[in-house]
C-alpha atoms as a PDB file:
ATOM      1  CA  MET A   1     116.457  53.610 119.810  1.00  0.00           C
ATOM      2  CA  ARG A   2     113.208  55.276 120.814  1.00  0.00           C
ATOM      3  CA  GLN A   3     113.828  58.182 118.417  1.00  0.00           C
ATOM      4  CA  PHE A   4     114.478  55.739 115.570  1.00  0.00           C
ATOM      5  CA  LEU A   5     111.245  53.890 116.286  1.00  0.00           C
ATOM      6  CA  LEU A   6     109.207  57.096 116.414  1.00  0.00           C
ATOM      7  CA  SER A   7     110.782  58.329 113.174  1.00  0.00           C
ATOM      8  CA  THR A   8     110.004  55.030 111.457  1.00  0.00           C
ATOM      9  CA  VAL A   9     106.383  55.076 112.618  1.00  0.00           C
ATOM     10  CA  LEU A  10     106.013  58.691 111.458  1.00  0.00           C
ATOM     11  CA  ILE A  11     107.446  57.972 108.006  1.00  0.00           C
ATOM     12  CA  ILE A  12     105.242  54.896 107.523  1.00  0.00           C
ATOM     13  CA  SER A  13     102.172  56.840 108.669  1.00  0.00           C
ATOM     14  CA  LEU A  14     102.888  59.630 106.197  1.00  0.00           C
ATOM     15  CA  MET A  15     103.398  57.143 103.369  1.00  0.00           C
ATOM     16  CA  LEU A  16     100.089  55.418 104.149  1.00  0.00           C
ATOM     17  CA  ALA A  17      98.238  58.728 104.380  1.00  0.00           C
ATOM     18  CA  PHE A  18      99.581  59.807 100.986  1.00  0.00           C
ATOM     19  CA  ALA A  19      98.760  56.451  99.376  1.00  0.00           C
ATOM     20  CA  CYS A  20      95.193  56.514 100.707  1.00  0.00           C
ATOM     21  CA  SER A  21      94.633  60.060  99.489  1.00  0.00           C
ATOM     22  CA  GLN A  22      95.478  58.988  95.919  1.00  0.00           C
ATOM     23  CA  GLN A  23      92.943  56.150  95.718  1.00  0.00           C
ATOM     24  CA  GLY A  24      90.100  56.698  93.299  1.00  0.00           C
ATOM     25  CA  LYS A  25      91.980  59.248  91.187  1.00  0.00           C
ATOM     26  CA  ASP A  26      93.107  58.953  87.599  1.00  0.00           C
ATOM     27  CA  ALA A  27      96.498  60.017  86.203  1.00  0.00           C
ATOM     28  CA  ALA A  28      95.420  63.665  85.992  1.00  0.00           C
ATOM     29  CA  GLY A  29      94.359  63.698  89.640  1.00  0.00           C
ATOM     30  CA  ARG A  30      90.617  63.710  88.927  1.00  0.00           C
ATOM     31  CA  LEU A  31      88.257  61.400  90.751  1.00  0.00           C
ATOM     32  CA  SER A  32      87.446  58.294  88.728  1.00  0.00           C
ATOM     33  CA  THR A  33      83.861  57.455  87.964  1.00  0.00           C
ATOM     34  CA  ALA A  34      82.177  54.270  86.847  1.00  0.00           C
ATOM     35  CA  THR A  35      79.474  54.030  84.212  1.00  0.00           C
ATOM     36  CA  VAL A  36      76.873  51.284  84.526  1.00  0.00           C
ATOM     37  CA  TYR A  37      75.478  49.605  81.409  1.00  0.00           C
ATOM     38  CA  SER A  38      72.641  47.102  81.259  1.00  0.00           C
ATOM     39  CA  SER A  39      74.176  45.019  78.459  1.00  0.00           C
ATOM     40  CA  ILE A  40      77.698  43.867  77.643  1.00  0.00           C
ATOM     41  CA  GLU A  41      77.214  44.804  73.985  1.00  0.00           C
ATOM     42  CA  GLU A  42      76.496  48.428  74.895  1.00  0.00           C
ATOM     43  CA  ALA A  43      79.549  48.605  77.165  1.00  0.00           C
ATOM     44  CA  LEU A  44      81.883  47.063  74.590  1.00  0.00           C
ATOM     45  CA  ALA A  45      80.586  49.375  71.862  1.00  0.00           C
ATOM     46  CA  THR A  46      81.231  52.389  74.077  1.00  0.00           C
ATOM     47  CA  VAL A  47      84.846  51.522  74.897  1.00  0.00           C
ATOM     48  CA  GLU A  48      85.779  50.156  71.485  1.00  0.00           C
ATOM     49  CA  GLY A  49      89.019  51.769  70.323  1.00  0.00           C
ATOM     50  CA  SER A  50      89.923  53.181  73.729  1.00  0.00           C
ATOM     51  CA  ASP A  51      92.292  51.841  76.352  1.00  0.00           C
ATOM     52  CA  LYS A  52      89.656  51.663  79.082  1.00  0.00           C
ATOM     53  CA  PRO A  53      88.956  48.324  80.751  1.00  0.00           C
ATOM     54  CA  VAL A  54      85.511  46.771  81.053  1.00  0.00           C
ATOM     55  CA  ILE A  55      84.607  45.226  84.393  1.00  0.00           C
ATOM     56  CA  VAL A  56      81.737  42.753  84.401  1.00  0.00           C
ATOM     57  CA  ASP A  57      80.043  42.427  87.779  1.00  0.00           C
ATOM     58  CA  PHE A  58      77.225  39.941  88.268  1.00  0.00           C
ATOM     59  CA  TYR A  59      75.660  37.930  91.042  1.00  0.00           C
ATOM     60  CA  THR A  60      73.131  35.239  91.713  1.00  0.00           C
ATOM     61  CA  ASP A  61      71.091  34.265  94.747  1.00  0.00           C
ATOM     62  CA  TRP A  62      71.225  30.482  94.355  1.00  0.00           C
END
């Protein structure tokens, strides 16, 4: 029973380590980068015709 538990913990740890090492990479294995635009029109014009998403991030201090 103890050997089974240790094996399970080891396998889960390896799976988590592999999953964490892949974060922030694109399909080709390169690190992803974000581009910041000051207007939504500029961002939409840049990605028009591509399959890249546009993320709009804003805040207020009400």
